[in-house]
Amino acid sequence: MPNLLTNLLRGKNQEDKVDLKRRLGRGTNAPSLMRWMFFISAVTSCFILTTFKEAPFQAFGWALSTISCLGWVIIAAEDRDVPRLLMELMYAMMGSWGFINWIR
């Protein structure tokens, strides 16, 4: 009880600490290898899209970007982060649109 009273006087409680860890990315459900894999695929797709002008490379870059975004959608769903889920879902739809435009 004294610890609770001290925390209340300081304006902090245990829920704030847990929420801060969650916002900083700690305590998430997705494995860190999965996060790194989709991060590297996103960087690779950006490199391909900004470097190569040929249609096959552009189509591959957009496909890789879409896969990366869908991976981040899965991670956001596991973290129950709805704004990030919707943002990545929108990027995935735009990436698939870019892929379809380049394979025509």
Protein backbone atom coordinates (compact mmCIF):
# COMPACT_ATOMS: atom_id res chain seq x y z
CA MET A 1 0.00 0.00 0.00
CA PRO A 2 2.77 2.55 0.71
CA ASN A 3 4.25 1.85 -2.72
CA LEU A 4 0.88 2.53 -4.36
CA LEU A 5 0.51 5.75 -2.39
CA THR A 6 4.00 6.85 -3.40
CA ASN A 7 3.25 6.14 -7.06
CA LEU A 8 -0.01 8.05 -6.87
CA LEU A 9 1.75 11.03 -5.35
CA ARG A 10 4.34 10.94 -8.10
CA GLY A 11 1.59 10.66 -10.71
CA LYS A 12 2.78 7.30 -11.97
CA ASN A 13 1.27 3.88 -11.74
CA GLN A 14 2.15 0.45 -13.01
CA GLU A 15 -0.19 0.76 -16.01
CA ASP A 16 1.71 3.81 -17.25
CA LYS A 17 4.96 1.86 -17.17
CA VAL A 18 3.44 -1.05 -19.08
CA ASP A 19 1.89 1.33 -21.61
CA LEU A 20 5.23 3.09 -22.11
CA LYS A 21 6.96 -0.23 -22.78
CA ARG A 22 4.26 -1.10 -25.29
CA ARG A 23 4.60 2.25 -27.06
CA LEU A 24 8.36 1.84 -27.25
CA GLY A 25 7.94 -1.51 -29.00
CA ARG A 26 8.83 -3.74 -26.08
CA GLY A 27 6.40 -6.38 -24.97
CA THR A 28 5.02 -6.99 -28.46
CA ASN A 29 3.82 -10.33 -29.73
CA ALA A 30 5.70 -10.44 -33.03
CA PRO A 31 9.20 -11.93 -33.02
CA SER A 32 11.99 -9.48 -33.70
CA LEU A 33 13.34 -11.63 -36.56
CA MET A 34 10.02 -11.15 -38.35
CA ARG A 35 10.26 -7.38 -37.86
CA TRP A 36 13.82 -7.27 -39.18
CA MET A 37 12.91 -9.43 -42.16
CA PHE A 38 10.08 -7.12 -43.23
CA PHE A 39 12.19 -4.03 -42.54
CA ILE A 40 15.00 -5.31 -44.78
CA SER A 41 12.50 -6.24 -47.49
CA ALA A 42 11.02 -2.72 -47.32
CA VAL A 43 14.46 -1.11 -47.66
CA THR A 44 15.34 -3.47 -50.53
CA SER A 45 12.10 -2.66 -52.35
CA CYS A 46 12.78 1.08 -51.97
CA PHE A 47 16.27 0.56 -53.37
CA ILE A 48 14.93 -1.40 -56.36
CA LEU A 49 12.15 1.12 -57.06
CA THR A 50 14.49 4.12 -56.97
CA THR A 51 17.41 2.55 -58.85
CA PHE A 52 16.06 0.49 -61.74
CA LYS A 53 13.80 1.82 -64.50
CA GLU A 54 13.08 -1.39 -66.38
CA ALA A 55 9.57 -2.84 -66.07
CA PRO A 56 10.55 -6.26 -64.62
CA PHE A 57 12.56 -4.61 -61.84
CA GLN A 58 9.76 -2.17 -61.09
CA ALA A 59 7.22 -4.99 -60.93
CA PHE A 60 9.50 -6.97 -58.60
CA GLY A 61 10.08 -3.88 -56.44
CA TRP A 62 6.35 -3.24 -56.09
CA ALA A 63 5.69 -6.92 -55.34
CA LEU A 64 8.37 -6.92 -52.65
CA SER A 65 6.95 -3.70 -51.22
CA THR A 66 3.47 -5.24 -51.08
CA ILE A 67 4.77 -8.34 -49.32
CA SER A 68 6.62 -6.17 -46.82
CA CYS A 69 3.52 -4.08 -46.12
CA LEU A 70 1.39 -7.20 -45.65
CA GLY A 71 3.97 -8.44 -43.16
CA TRP A 72 3.70 -5.19 -41.24
CA VAL A 73 -0.09 -5.56 -41.34
CA ILE A 74 0.28 -8.93 -39.60
CA ILE A 75 2.63 -7.44 -37.00
CA ALA A 76 0.28 -4.50 -36.38
CA ALA A 77 -2.65 -6.90 -35.97
CA GLU A 78 -0.70 -8.94 -33.41
CA ASP A 79 0.20 -5.73 -31.55
CA ARG A 80 -3.43 -4.53 -31.79
CA ASP A 81 -2.22 -1.27 -33.32
CA VAL A 82 -5.18 -0.31 -35.52
CA PRO A 83 -3.84 2.97 -36.98
CA ARG A 84 -0.61 1.30 -38.13
CA LEU A 85 -2.59 -1.67 -39.45
CA LEU A 86 -4.79 0.59 -41.56
CA MET A 87 -1.81 2.62 -42.80
CA GLU A 88 0.14 -0.47 -43.85
CA LEU A 89 -2.98 -1.99 -45.42
CA MET A 90 -3.39 1.15 -47.53
CA TYR A 91 0.28 0.97 -48.57
CA ALA A 92 -0.16 -2.70 -49.47
CA MET A 93 -3.13 -1.86 -51.68
CA MET A 94 -1.17 0.91 -53.40
CA GLY A 95 1.79 -1.44 -53.82
CA SER A 96 -0.38 -4.07 -55.46
CA TRP A 97 -1.74 -1.36 -57.75
CA GLY A 98 1.82 -0.42 -58.69
CA PHE A 99 2.64 -4.08 -59.33
CA ILE A 100 -0.40 -4.49 -61.60
CA ASN A 101 0.46 -1.33 -63.53
CA TRP A 102 4.03 -2.49 -64.18
CA ILE A 103 3.16 -6.03 -65.33
CA ARG A 104 0.80 -4.73 -68.02
